[in-house]
Amino acid sequence: MERFFSDRHEAGRFLASKLRRYRAKEGVVVLGLPRGGVPVAYEVAQALELPMDVFVVKKLGLPGNEELALGAIATGGMCVINEAVVREAGLSAGEIDRVIRRESVELERRERLYREGPPLEVKGKTVLLVDDGLATGSTMSAAVLALKKRGAGKIVVAVPVGAPDTCEELEEKVDDMICTIRPEPFYAVGAWYEDFRPTTDDEVRGLLHREHARAAP
């Protein structure tokens, strides 16, 4: 099967080429979803000369099959549940609550770990919300709802690759949707990268540190 991207950094540069209309535009910020979306967002921000930050969202993995998302949570108490996955798995409310409590601890840990300063202000801004790809869309949906709650002026979801049905569903929830490749059949996000090794906390922190240094006066 042909891979579209060598790694997340190449994917970010390719994605940036589809977002040139936002280059150096006032009132636009780039937010990457951790962890895999941060390298993509970093390249987008560099190419477009825009400020960049992380927006902490955590997938709720299905017990026994953690790669399948039953939902997601985002900073600020936002939670999105994929009812279809829950029904098919036959999960009880108690089982869902346990997953949410566990992942909330991890979300708070990441928020503390990644922050070098206050988060970028999103109220009234155009937000380019970036991830390395879209499968079920639960994580991205949680992020979108959380940003709306924070008063984002315009939300643009931007990903290098995504499941066609998921991209179409998200298009109805945001102001603009940039999904550069929508393969059919989709398989999984990692199927379209040569190197899809997990992004580490250290990589995320390193990229955010470089971004803070670039943005410093």
N, C-alpha and C. Protein backbone atom coordinates (compact mmCIF):
# COMPACT_ATOMS: atom_id res chain seq x y z
N MET A 1 0.84 -1.20 0.00
CA MET A 1 0.00 0.00 0.00
C MET A 1 0.87 1.25 0.00
N GLU A 2 0.56 2.19 -0.87
CA GLU A 2 1.35 3.41 -0.99
C GLU A 2 1.18 4.29 0.24
N ARG A 3 2.31 4.81 0.77
CA ARG A 3 2.27 5.78 1.86
C ARG A 3 2.33 7.18 1.28
N PHE A 4 1.53 8.07 1.84
CA PHE A 4 1.53 9.44 1.34
C PHE A 4 2.63 10.29 1.95
N PHE A 5 2.95 10.06 3.23
CA PHE A 5 3.87 10.92 3.95
C PHE A 5 4.99 10.11 4.58
N SER A 6 6.22 10.67 4.57
CA SER A 6 7.33 9.98 5.21
C SER A 6 7.19 10.05 6.73
N ASP A 7 6.80 11.21 7.25
CA ASP A 7 6.60 11.36 8.70
C ASP A 7 5.68 12.55 8.95
N ARG A 8 5.46 12.88 10.22
CA ARG A 8 4.54 13.96 10.58
C ARG A 8 5.06 15.33 10.15
N HIS A 9 6.37 15.51 10.16
CA HIS A 9 6.93 16.80 9.77
C HIS A 9 6.68 17.07 8.28
N GLU A 10 6.90 16.06 7.45
CA GLU A 10 6.61 16.23 6.02
C GLU A 10 5.13 16.49 5.81
N ALA A 11 4.29 15.77 6.55
CA ALA A 11 2.85 15.97 6.44
C ALA A 11 2.46 17.40 6.81
N GLY A 12 3.12 17.95 7.83
CA GLY A 12 2.83 19.32 8.23
C GLY A 12 3.20 20.33 7.16
N ARG A 13 4.33 20.11 6.52
CA ARG A 13 4.75 21.03 5.45
C ARG A 13 3.78 20.95 4.27
N PHE A 14 3.32 19.74 3.97
CA PHE A 14 2.35 19.58 2.88
C PHE A 14 1.03 20.25 3.24
N LEU A 15 0.59 20.07 4.48
CA LEU A 15 -0.65 20.68 4.93
C LEU A 15 -0.56 22.21 4.88
N ALA A 16 0.59 22.74 5.26
CA ALA A 16 0.78 24.19 5.22
C ALA A 16 0.60 24.75 3.82
N SER A 17 0.97 23.96 2.80
CA SER A 17 0.84 24.44 1.41
C SER A 17 -0.62 24.61 1.01
N LYS A 18 -1.53 23.99 1.75
CA LYS A 18 -2.96 24.11 1.47
C LYS A 18 -3.62 25.20 2.33
N LEU A 19 -2.81 25.83 3.17
CA LEU A 19 -3.33 26.84 4.10
C LEU A 19 -2.69 28.20 3.87
N ARG A 20 -2.16 28.43 2.68
CA ARG A 20 -1.38 29.65 2.43
C ARG A 20 -2.19 30.92 2.62
N ARG A 21 -3.51 30.84 2.47
CA ARG A 21 -4.32 32.06 2.62
C ARG A 21 -4.29 32.61 4.04
N TYR A 22 -3.82 31.79 5.00
CA TYR A 22 -3.73 32.25 6.38
C TYR A 22 -2.33 32.75 6.74
N ARG A 23 -1.41 32.74 5.80
CA ARG A 23 -0.02 33.08 6.09
C ARG A 23 0.11 34.49 6.65
N ALA A 24 0.74 34.56 7.86
CA ALA A 24 1.03 35.83 8.54
C ALA A 24 -0.20 36.70 8.72
N LYS A 25 -1.36 36.06 8.79
CA LYS A 25 -2.61 36.81 8.91
C LYS A 25 -2.87 37.15 10.38
N GLU A 26 -3.25 38.40 10.61
CA GLU A 26 -3.54 38.86 11.97
C GLU A 26 -4.75 38.11 12.54
N GLY A 27 -4.63 37.74 13.83
CA GLY A 27 -5.76 37.10 14.50
C GLY A 27 -5.92 35.63 14.22
N VAL A 28 -4.87 34.98 13.70
CA VAL A 28 -4.90 33.54 13.41
C VAL A 28 -3.87 32.83 14.28
N VAL A 29 -4.27 31.72 14.91
CA VAL A 29 -3.35 30.92 15.72
C VAL A 29 -3.44 29.46 15.29
N VAL A 30 -2.37 28.72 15.55
CA VAL A 30 -2.31 27.29 15.23
C VAL A 30 -2.28 26.51 16.54
N LEU A 31 -3.17 25.54 16.68
CA LEU A 31 -3.18 24.67 17.86
C LEU A 31 -3.03 23.22 17.41
N GLY A 32 -2.05 22.53 18.03
CA GLY A 32 -1.83 21.11 17.72
C GLY A 32 -2.38 20.23 18.80
N LEU A 33 -3.01 19.12 18.40
CA LEU A 33 -3.52 18.16 19.37
C LEU A 33 -2.41 17.18 19.73
N PRO A 34 -2.15 17.02 21.04
CA PRO A 34 -1.07 16.11 21.43
C PRO A 34 -1.53 14.65 21.33
N ARG A 35 -0.57 13.76 21.12
CA ARG A 35 0.79 14.21 20.92
C ARG A 35 1.15 14.31 19.44
N GLY A 36 0.57 13.43 18.63
CA GLY A 36 0.97 13.34 17.23
C GLY A 36 0.68 14.57 16.39
N GLY A 37 -0.29 15.38 16.81
CA GLY A 37 -0.61 16.57 16.03
C GLY A 37 0.36 17.71 16.22
N VAL A 38 1.18 17.65 17.27
CA VAL A 38 2.09 18.77 17.56
C VAL A 38 3.19 18.92 16.50
N PRO A 39 3.87 17.85 16.07
CA PRO A 39 4.86 18.03 14.99
C PRO A 39 4.24 18.58 13.71
N VAL A 40 3.03 18.15 13.40
CA VAL A 40 2.34 18.65 12.20
C VAL A 40 2.05 20.14 12.36
N ALA A 41 1.50 20.50 13.51
CA ALA A 41 1.16 21.90 13.78
C ALA A 41 2.40 22.79 13.79
N TYR A 42 3.50 22.27 14.31
CA TYR A 42 4.74 23.04 14.36
C TYR A 42 5.18 23.45 12.95
N GLU A 43 5.13 22.50 12.02
CA GLU A 43 5.54 22.79 10.64
C GLU A 43 4.57 23.77 9.98
N VAL A 44 3.28 23.63 10.28
CA VAL A 44 2.29 24.56 9.73
C VAL A 44 2.57 25.98 10.23
N ALA A 45 2.80 26.11 11.54
CA ALA A 45 3.05 27.43 12.13
C ALA A 45 4.33 28.05 11.58
N GLN A 46 5.37 27.25 11.42
CA GLN A 46 6.63 27.76 10.89
C GLN A 46 6.45 28.28 9.46
N ALA A 47 5.79 27.48 8.64
CA ALA A 47 5.62 27.84 7.23
C ALA A 47 4.72 29.06 7.05
N LEU A 48 3.71 29.19 7.91
CA LEU A 48 2.74 30.27 7.77
C LEU A 48 3.06 31.48 8.64
N GLU A 49 4.14 31.38 9.41
CA GLU A 49 4.57 32.48 10.29
C GLU A 49 3.44 32.88 11.25
N LEU A 50 2.89 31.89 11.92
CA LEU A 50 1.79 32.09 12.86
C LEU A 50 2.17 31.57 14.24
N PRO A 51 1.60 32.13 15.30
CA PRO A 51 1.85 31.61 16.64
C PRO A 51 1.21 30.23 16.81
N MET A 52 1.88 29.39 17.60
CA MET A 52 1.44 28.01 17.74
C MET A 52 1.45 27.60 19.20
N ASP A 53 0.52 26.73 19.57
CA ASP A 53 0.45 26.20 20.92
C ASP A 53 -0.13 24.80 20.86
N VAL A 54 -0.16 24.14 22.01
CA VAL A 54 -0.78 22.82 22.12
C VAL A 54 -2.16 23.00 22.73
N PHE A 55 -3.12 22.19 22.28
CA PHE A 55 -4.44 22.17 22.89
C PHE A 55 -4.67 20.75 23.39
N VAL A 56 -4.69 20.61 24.72
CA VAL A 56 -4.63 19.27 25.30
C VAL A 56 -5.99 18.58 25.25
N VAL A 57 -6.02 17.48 24.53
CA VAL A 57 -7.19 16.62 24.39
C VAL A 57 -6.72 15.19 24.58
N LYS A 58 -7.55 14.35 25.19
CA LYS A 58 -7.16 12.96 25.43
C LYS A 58 -8.24 12.01 24.94
N LYS A 59 -7.82 11.07 24.10
CA LYS A 59 -8.74 10.05 23.63
C LYS A 59 -9.16 9.13 24.77
N LEU A 60 -10.41 8.71 24.77
CA LEU A 60 -10.90 7.71 25.71
C LEU A 60 -10.86 6.36 24.99
N GLY A 61 -9.85 5.55 25.31
CA GLY A 61 -9.70 4.27 24.64
C GLY A 61 -10.68 3.24 25.15
N LEU A 62 -11.18 2.42 24.24
CA LEU A 62 -12.10 1.35 24.61
C LEU A 62 -11.35 0.30 25.43
N PRO A 63 -11.85 -0.07 26.61
CA PRO A 63 -11.19 -1.10 27.41
C PRO A 63 -10.98 -2.38 26.61
N GLY A 64 -9.73 -2.85 26.58
CA GLY A 64 -9.39 -4.03 25.82
C GLY A 64 -9.00 -3.76 24.38
N ASN A 65 -9.27 -2.55 23.91
CA ASN A 65 -8.88 -2.14 22.55
C ASN A 65 -8.66 -0.64 22.57
N GLU A 66 -7.54 -0.24 23.20
CA GLU A 66 -7.29 1.17 23.50
C GLU A 66 -7.16 2.05 22.25
N GLU A 67 -6.85 1.45 21.10
CA GLU A 67 -6.71 2.25 19.89
C GLU A 67 -8.06 2.74 19.36
N LEU A 68 -9.14 2.06 19.74
CA LEU A 68 -10.47 2.46 19.31
C LEU A 68 -11.04 3.46 20.31
N ALA A 69 -11.43 4.62 19.83
CA ALA A 69 -11.90 5.69 20.71
C ALA A 69 -13.39 5.54 21.00
N LEU A 70 -13.73 5.48 22.29
CA LEU A 70 -15.14 5.54 22.67
C LEU A 70 -15.56 6.99 22.90
N GLY A 71 -14.58 7.89 22.85
CA GLY A 71 -14.84 9.31 23.03
C GLY A 71 -13.55 10.06 23.30
N ALA A 72 -13.66 11.27 23.82
CA ALA A 72 -12.49 12.07 24.13
C ALA A 72 -12.86 13.15 25.14
N ILE A 73 -11.85 13.63 25.86
CA ILE A 73 -12.03 14.73 26.80
C ILE A 73 -11.03 15.83 26.44
N ALA A 74 -11.38 17.08 26.79
CA ALA A 74 -10.52 18.22 26.49
C ALA A 74 -10.41 19.10 27.72
N THR A 75 -9.33 19.87 27.78
CA THR A 75 -9.14 20.84 28.84
C THR A 75 -10.37 21.74 28.95
N GLY A 76 -10.82 21.94 30.19
CA GLY A 76 -12.02 22.75 30.42
C GLY A 76 -13.23 21.91 30.72
N GLY A 77 -13.04 20.58 30.85
CA GLY A 77 -14.15 19.70 31.24
C GLY A 77 -15.04 19.24 30.11
N MET A 78 -14.61 19.43 28.86
CA MET A 78 -15.42 19.01 27.72
C MET A 78 -15.24 17.51 27.48
N CYS A 79 -16.36 16.81 27.25
CA CYS A 79 -16.32 15.37 27.01
C CYS A 79 -17.25 15.03 25.85
N VAL A 80 -16.75 14.21 24.92
CA VAL A 80 -17.54 13.74 23.78
C VAL A 80 -17.53 12.22 23.80
N ILE A 81 -18.69 11.59 23.72
CA ILE A 81 -18.80 10.14 23.73
C ILE A 81 -19.34 9.67 22.38
N ASN A 82 -18.69 8.65 21.81
CA ASN A 82 -19.14 8.03 20.57
C ASN A 82 -20.16 6.95 20.94
N GLU A 83 -21.45 7.30 20.83
CA GLU A 83 -22.51 6.40 21.29
C GLU A 83 -22.53 5.09 20.50
N ALA A 84 -22.17 5.15 19.24
CA ALA A 84 -22.18 3.93 18.42
C ALA A 84 -21.15 2.93 18.93
N VAL A 85 -19.95 3.41 19.27
CA VAL A 85 -18.91 2.52 19.81
C VAL A 85 -19.34 1.96 21.17
N VAL A 86 -19.92 2.81 22.00
CA VAL A 86 -20.38 2.38 23.33
C VAL A 86 -21.44 1.29 23.22
N ARG A 87 -22.39 1.49 22.32
CA ARG A 87 -23.46 0.49 22.14
C ARG A 87 -22.91 -0.84 21.65
N GLU A 88 -22.02 -0.76 20.65
CA GLU A 88 -21.47 -2.00 20.09
C GLU A 88 -20.65 -2.77 21.11
N ALA A 89 -19.93 -2.04 21.98
CA ALA A 89 -19.09 -2.68 22.98
C ALA A 89 -19.88 -3.11 24.22
N GLY A 90 -21.10 -2.59 24.35
CA GLY A 90 -21.93 -2.94 25.50
C GLY A 90 -21.40 -2.41 26.82
N LEU A 91 -20.81 -1.22 26.79
CA LEU A 91 -20.23 -0.64 28.00
C LEU A 91 -21.31 -0.06 28.91
N SER A 92 -21.10 -0.23 30.22
CA SER A 92 -22.01 0.36 31.19
C SER A 92 -21.57 1.79 31.51
N ALA A 93 -22.45 2.55 32.14
CA ALA A 93 -22.12 3.92 32.54
C ALA A 93 -20.93 3.93 33.50
N GLY A 94 -20.88 2.93 34.39
CA GLY A 94 -19.78 2.84 35.34
C GLY A 94 -18.44 2.61 34.66
N GLU A 95 -18.42 1.77 33.63
CA GLU A 95 -17.18 1.51 32.89
C GLU A 95 -16.71 2.77 32.16
N ILE A 96 -17.65 3.50 31.60
CA ILE A 96 -17.29 4.75 30.91
C ILE A 96 -16.73 5.75 31.91
N ASP A 97 -17.36 5.88 33.06
CA ASP A 97 -16.90 6.81 34.09
C ASP A 97 -15.47 6.49 34.53
N ARG A 98 -15.17 5.20 34.66
CA ARG A 98 -13.81 4.81 35.08
C ARG A 98 -12.77 5.22 34.04
N VAL A 99 -13.11 5.04 32.77
CA VAL A 99 -12.19 5.46 31.70
C VAL A 99 -12.00 6.98 31.75
N ILE A 100 -13.08 7.71 31.92
CA ILE A 100 -13.00 9.18 31.97
C ILE A 100 -12.13 9.64 33.13
N ARG A 101 -12.31 9.04 34.31
CA ARG A 101 -11.52 9.44 35.48
C ARG A 101 -10.04 9.16 35.25
N ARG A 102 -9.73 8.00 34.69
CA ARG A 102 -8.34 7.63 34.45
C ARG A 102 -7.69 8.58 33.45
N GLU A 103 -8.38 8.85 32.36
CA GLU A 103 -7.79 9.70 31.32
C GLU A 103 -7.77 11.17 31.73
N SER A 104 -8.64 11.58 32.63
CA SER A 104 -8.60 12.95 33.14
C SER A 104 -7.32 13.22 33.90
N VAL A 105 -6.83 12.21 34.63
CA VAL A 105 -5.56 12.34 35.33
C VAL A 105 -4.42 12.55 34.33
N GLU A 106 -4.44 11.78 33.23
CA GLU A 106 -3.41 11.91 32.21
C GLU A 106 -3.51 13.26 31.50
N LEU A 107 -4.73 13.72 31.24
CA LEU A 107 -4.91 15.02 30.60
C LEU A 107 -4.31 16.13 31.46
N GLU A 108 -4.58 16.09 32.76
CA GLU A 108 -4.03 17.11 33.67
C GLU A 108 -2.51 17.04 33.74
N ARG A 109 -1.97 15.82 33.70
CA ARG A 109 -0.51 15.65 33.72
C ARG A 109 0.12 16.31 32.48
N ARG A 110 -0.48 16.07 31.32
CA ARG A 110 0.06 16.65 30.09
C ARG A 110 -0.05 18.18 30.11
N GLU A 111 -1.16 18.68 30.62
CA GLU A 111 -1.34 20.14 30.69
C GLU A 111 -0.22 20.77 31.52
N ARG A 112 0.11 20.16 32.65
CA ARG A 112 1.19 20.68 33.50
C ARG A 112 2.55 20.53 32.82
N LEU A 113 2.76 19.39 32.16
CA LEU A 113 4.06 19.07 31.58
C LEU A 113 4.39 19.97 30.39
N TYR A 114 3.41 20.26 29.55
CA TYR A 114 3.68 20.96 28.30
C TYR A 114 3.75 22.48 28.44
N ARG A 115 3.16 23.02 29.47
CA ARG A 115 3.04 24.47 29.59
C ARG A 115 4.33 25.14 30.04
N GLU A 116 4.81 26.13 29.26
CA GLU A 116 5.91 26.99 29.68
C GLU A 116 5.39 28.37 30.06
N GLY A 117 4.17 28.62 29.71
CA GLY A 117 3.55 29.91 30.00
C GLY A 117 2.06 29.79 29.79
N PRO A 118 1.33 30.90 29.83
CA PRO A 118 -0.12 30.84 29.62
C PRO A 118 -0.44 30.38 28.20
N PRO A 119 -1.57 29.71 28.03
CA PRO A 119 -1.96 29.27 26.68
C PRO A 119 -2.29 30.46 25.79
N LEU A 120 -2.18 30.25 24.49
CA LEU A 120 -2.55 31.30 23.54
C LEU A 120 -4.03 31.67 23.71
N GLU A 121 -4.33 32.94 23.61
CA GLU A 121 -5.71 33.40 23.66
C GLU A 121 -6.43 33.01 22.38
N VAL A 122 -7.62 32.41 22.51
CA VAL A 122 -8.38 31.99 21.32
C VAL A 122 -9.67 32.79 21.14
N LYS A 123 -10.06 33.55 22.14
CA LYS A 123 -11.33 34.28 22.05
C LYS A 123 -11.30 35.26 20.88
N GLY A 124 -12.26 35.08 19.99
CA GLY A 124 -12.36 35.96 18.82
C GLY A 124 -11.36 35.68 17.72
N LYS A 125 -10.48 34.69 17.92
CA LYS A 125 -9.43 34.39 16.93
C LYS A 125 -9.90 33.33 15.93
N THR A 126 -9.19 33.27 14.81
CA THR A 126 -9.33 32.15 13.88
C THR A 126 -8.33 31.08 14.32
N VAL A 127 -8.82 29.90 14.62
CA VAL A 127 -7.98 28.81 15.14
C VAL A 127 -7.81 27.74 14.07
N LEU A 128 -6.56 27.49 13.69
CA LEU A 128 -6.25 26.35 12.83
C LEU A 128 -5.96 25.17 13.75
N LEU A 129 -6.90 24.25 13.83
CA LEU A 129 -6.82 23.12 14.76
C LEU A 129 -6.25 21.92 14.01
N VAL A 130 -5.06 21.49 14.40
CA VAL A 130 -4.27 20.55 13.59
C VAL A 130 -4.04 19.22 14.33
N ASP A 131 -4.20 18.13 13.60
CA ASP A 131 -3.82 16.81 14.09
C ASP A 131 -3.14 16.06 12.96
N ASP A 132 -2.58 14.88 13.27
CA ASP A 132 -1.88 14.12 12.23
C ASP A 132 -2.82 13.31 11.35
N GLY A 133 -4.10 13.26 11.72
CA GLY A 133 -5.09 12.55 10.92
C GLY A 133 -6.38 12.38 11.69
N LEU A 134 -7.42 11.95 10.97
CA LEU A 134 -8.73 11.74 11.58
C LEU A 134 -9.21 10.32 11.30
N ALA A 135 -9.55 9.62 12.37
CA ALA A 135 -10.16 8.29 12.22
C ALA A 135 -11.63 8.38 12.62
N THR A 136 -11.93 8.23 13.91
CA THR A 136 -13.32 8.36 14.37
C THR A 136 -13.73 9.81 14.54
N GLY A 137 -12.75 10.71 14.78
CA GLY A 137 -13.06 12.12 14.96
C GLY A 137 -13.44 12.51 16.37
N SER A 138 -13.46 11.57 17.32
CA SER A 138 -13.88 11.88 18.68
C SER A 138 -12.99 12.92 19.34
N THR A 139 -11.67 12.76 19.20
CA THR A 139 -10.73 13.68 19.81
C THR A 139 -10.89 15.08 19.23
N MET A 140 -10.98 15.17 17.92
CA MET A 140 -11.13 16.46 17.28
C MET A 140 -12.47 17.11 17.65
N SER A 141 -13.53 16.32 17.73
CA SER A 141 -14.83 16.86 18.10
C SER A 141 -14.81 17.46 19.49
N ALA A 142 -14.12 16.80 20.43
CA ALA A 142 -14.01 17.34 21.78
C ALA A 142 -13.26 18.66 21.77
N ALA A 143 -12.21 18.73 20.97
CA ALA A 143 -11.43 19.97 20.88
C ALA A 143 -12.27 21.09 20.28
N VAL A 144 -13.04 20.79 19.26
CA VAL A 144 -13.90 21.80 18.62
C VAL A 144 -14.90 22.36 19.61
N LEU A 145 -15.56 21.48 20.37
CA LEU A 145 -16.55 21.93 21.34
C LEU A 145 -15.90 22.78 22.43
N ALA A 146 -14.72 22.36 22.88
CA ALA A 146 -14.02 23.11 23.92
C ALA A 146 -13.62 24.50 23.43
N LEU A 147 -13.19 24.61 22.18
CA LEU A 147 -12.80 25.91 21.62
C LEU A 147 -14.00 26.82 21.41
N LYS A 148 -15.12 26.24 21.03
CA LYS A 148 -16.34 27.04 20.91
C LYS A 148 -16.73 27.60 22.28
N LYS A 149 -16.58 26.76 23.31
CA LYS A 149 -16.89 27.19 24.67
C LYS A 149 -15.99 28.34 25.10
N ARG A 150 -14.76 28.36 24.59
CA ARG A 150 -13.81 29.41 24.94
C ARG A 150 -13.96 30.66 24.05
N GLY A 151 -14.88 30.62 23.12
CA GLY A 151 -15.17 31.81 22.34
C GLY A 151 -14.34 32.00 21.10
N ALA A 152 -13.79 30.92 20.55
CA ALA A 152 -13.03 31.04 19.29
C ALA A 152 -13.92 31.66 18.22
N GLY A 153 -13.35 32.61 17.47
CA GLY A 153 -14.13 33.30 16.45
C GLY A 153 -14.43 32.43 15.24
N LYS A 154 -13.45 31.64 14.81
CA LYS A 154 -13.60 30.77 13.65
C LYS A 154 -12.71 29.55 13.87
N ILE A 155 -13.23 28.38 13.59
CA ILE A 155 -12.46 27.15 13.78
C ILE A 155 -12.25 26.46 12.43
N VAL A 156 -10.98 26.24 12.11
CA VAL A 156 -10.60 25.55 10.88
C VAL A 156 -9.88 24.26 11.27
N VAL A 157 -10.49 23.12 11.00
CA VAL A 157 -9.84 21.84 11.24
C VAL A 157 -8.94 21.53 10.05
N ALA A 158 -7.67 21.22 10.35
CA ALA A 158 -6.70 20.97 9.28
C ALA A 158 -5.92 19.70 9.58
N VAL A 159 -6.03 18.71 8.72
CA VAL A 159 -5.33 17.44 8.89
C VAL A 159 -4.78 16.98 7.54
N PRO A 160 -3.66 16.24 7.56
CA PRO A 160 -3.11 15.74 6.29
C PRO A 160 -3.95 14.63 5.66
N VAL A 161 -4.58 13.78 6.51
CA VAL A 161 -5.31 12.62 6.00
C VAL A 161 -6.45 12.30 6.95
N GLY A 162 -7.54 11.79 6.39
CA GLY A 162 -8.66 11.46 7.25
C GLY A 162 -9.64 10.51 6.59
N ALA A 163 -10.42 9.82 7.42
CA ALA A 163 -11.48 8.96 6.91
C ALA A 163 -12.54 9.84 6.25
N PRO A 164 -12.96 9.54 5.04
CA PRO A 164 -13.90 10.40 4.31
C PRO A 164 -15.17 10.72 5.10
N ASP A 165 -15.79 9.71 5.72
CA ASP A 165 -17.03 9.94 6.46
C ASP A 165 -16.81 10.88 7.65
N THR A 166 -15.69 10.70 8.34
CA THR A 166 -15.38 11.54 9.50
C THR A 166 -15.17 12.98 9.07
N CYS A 167 -14.44 13.19 7.99
CA CYS A 167 -14.20 14.54 7.49
C CYS A 167 -15.51 15.22 7.12
N GLU A 168 -16.40 14.47 6.48
CA GLU A 168 -17.69 15.04 6.09
C GLU A 168 -18.52 15.43 7.31
N GLU A 169 -18.50 14.60 8.35
CA GLU A 169 -19.25 14.90 9.57
C GLU A 169 -18.71 16.15 10.25
N LEU A 170 -17.39 16.28 10.30
CA LEU A 170 -16.80 17.43 10.97
C LEU A 170 -17.02 18.72 10.20
N GLU A 171 -17.14 18.62 8.89
CA GLU A 171 -17.37 19.81 8.07
C GLU A 171 -18.61 20.58 8.52
N GLU A 172 -19.58 19.85 9.08
CA GLU A 172 -20.82 20.48 9.52
C GLU A 172 -20.67 21.17 10.87
N LYS A 173 -19.56 20.90 11.58
CA LYS A 173 -19.38 21.42 12.93
C LYS A 173 -18.42 22.60 13.00
N VAL A 174 -17.68 22.86 11.91
CA VAL A 174 -16.65 23.89 11.94
C VAL A 174 -16.84 24.87 10.78
N ASP A 175 -16.05 25.94 10.80
CA ASP A 175 -16.16 26.96 9.76
C ASP A 175 -15.48 26.56 8.46
N ASP A 176 -14.42 25.75 8.58
CA ASP A 176 -13.72 25.27 7.39
C ASP A 176 -13.04 23.96 7.73
N MET A 177 -12.92 23.11 6.74
CA MET A 177 -12.34 21.79 6.94
C MET A 177 -11.32 21.53 5.84
N ILE A 178 -10.05 21.37 6.24
CA ILE A 178 -8.98 21.07 5.29
C ILE A 178 -8.45 19.68 5.59
N CYS A 179 -8.89 18.72 4.79
CA CYS A 179 -8.39 17.35 4.89
C CYS A 179 -7.80 17.02 3.53
N THR A 180 -6.47 17.07 3.43
CA THR A 180 -5.84 17.08 2.11
C THR A 180 -6.02 15.76 1.36
N ILE A 181 -6.07 14.64 2.09
CA ILE A 181 -6.22 13.34 1.43
C ILE A 181 -7.29 12.54 2.18
N ARG A 182 -8.25 12.03 1.43
CA ARG A 182 -9.34 11.24 2.01
C ARG A 182 -9.38 9.87 1.31
N PRO A 183 -8.46 8.98 1.67
CA PRO A 183 -8.35 7.70 0.94
C PRO A 183 -9.55 6.78 1.19
N GLU A 184 -9.86 6.00 0.20
CA GLU A 184 -10.94 5.02 0.27
C GLU A 184 -10.46 3.72 -0.34
N PRO A 185 -10.34 2.61 0.42
CA PRO A 185 -10.63 2.49 1.85
C PRO A 185 -9.59 3.21 2.71
N PHE A 186 -9.98 3.56 3.93
CA PHE A 186 -9.14 4.39 4.78
C PHE A 186 -8.15 3.58 5.61
N TYR A 187 -8.53 2.47 6.18
CA TYR A 187 -7.74 1.62 7.07
C TYR A 187 -7.49 2.31 8.42
N ALA A 188 -6.47 3.15 8.51
CA ALA A 188 -6.13 3.84 9.76
C ALA A 188 -5.20 4.99 9.42
N VAL A 189 -5.07 5.96 10.34
CA VAL A 189 -4.20 7.12 10.08
C VAL A 189 -2.78 6.67 9.80
N GLY A 190 -2.25 5.77 10.63
CA GLY A 190 -0.87 5.33 10.49
C GLY A 190 -0.57 4.61 9.19
N ALA A 191 -1.59 4.12 8.52
CA ALA A 191 -1.37 3.40 7.26
C ALA A 191 -0.83 4.31 6.17
N TRP A 192 -0.97 5.64 6.33
CA TRP A 192 -0.58 6.57 5.28
C TRP A 192 0.72 7.31 5.60
N TYR A 193 1.44 6.81 6.61
CA TYR A 193 2.75 7.34 6.98
C TYR A 193 3.79 6.22 6.92
N GLU A 194 4.96 6.53 6.40
CA GLU A 194 6.06 5.56 6.47
C GLU A 194 6.55 5.42 7.91
N ASP A 195 6.71 6.55 8.59
CA ASP A 195 7.16 6.58 9.98
C ASP A 195 6.04 7.14 10.83
N PHE A 196 5.37 6.27 11.58
CA PHE A 196 4.27 6.70 12.44
C PHE A 196 4.53 6.28 13.89
N ARG A 197 5.82 6.35 14.26
CA ARG A 197 6.14 6.04 15.66
C ARG A 197 5.45 7.02 16.58
N PRO A 198 5.05 6.57 17.78
CA PRO A 198 4.39 7.48 18.72
C PRO A 198 5.25 8.70 19.03
N THR A 199 4.65 9.87 19.02
CA THR A 199 5.32 11.10 19.43
C THR A 199 5.44 11.08 20.95
N THR A 200 6.62 11.39 21.47
CA THR A 200 6.85 11.34 22.91
C THR A 200 6.58 12.69 23.57
N ASP A 201 6.45 12.65 24.90
CA ASP A 201 6.31 13.90 25.65
C ASP A 201 7.51 14.81 25.44
N ASP A 202 8.70 14.21 25.39
CA ASP A 202 9.91 15.02 25.20
C ASP A 202 9.90 15.72 23.85
N GLU A 203 9.42 15.04 22.80
CA GLU A 203 9.32 15.67 21.49
C GLU A 203 8.35 16.85 21.52
N VAL A 204 7.21 16.64 22.17
CA VAL A 204 6.23 17.72 22.28
C VAL A 204 6.82 18.91 23.02
N ARG A 205 7.46 18.65 24.14
CA ARG A 205 8.05 19.73 24.93
C ARG A 205 9.15 20.44 24.15
N GLY A 206 9.93 19.69 23.41
CA GLY A 206 11.01 20.29 22.62
C GLY A 206 10.48 21.22 21.55
N LEU A 207 9.43 20.79 20.84
CA LEU A 207 8.86 21.62 19.79
C LEU A 207 8.19 22.87 20.38
N LEU A 208 7.52 22.71 21.50
CA LEU A 208 6.88 23.87 22.14
C LEU A 208 7.93 24.85 22.66
N HIS A 209 9.04 24.31 23.16
CA HIS A 209 10.12 25.18 23.63
C HIS A 209 10.70 25.99 22.47
N ARG A 210 10.89 25.33 21.32
CA ARG A 210 11.41 26.05 20.14
C ARG A 210 10.42 27.11 19.68
N GLU A 211 9.13 26.80 19.76
CA GLU A 211 8.11 27.77 19.38
C GLU A 211 8.10 28.97 20.33
N HIS A 212 8.23 28.72 21.63
CA HIS A 212 8.26 29.83 22.60
C HIS A 212 9.49 30.72 22.34
N ALA A 213 10.62 30.08 22.00
CA ALA A 213 11.83 30.85 21.72
C ALA A 213 11.65 31.71 20.46
N ARG A 214 10.97 31.16 19.46
CA ARG A 214 10.71 31.91 18.22
C ARG A 214 9.79 33.09 18.48
N ALA A 215 8.79 32.88 19.35
CA ALA A 215 7.80 33.92 19.60
C ALA A 215 8.27 34.98 20.58
N ALA A 216 9.35 34.67 21.34
CA ALA A 216 9.82 35.62 22.34
C ALA A 216 10.35 36.89 21.69
N PRO A 217 10.08 38.06 22.30
CA PRO A 217 10.59 39.31 21.72
C PRO A 217 12.10 39.37 21.76
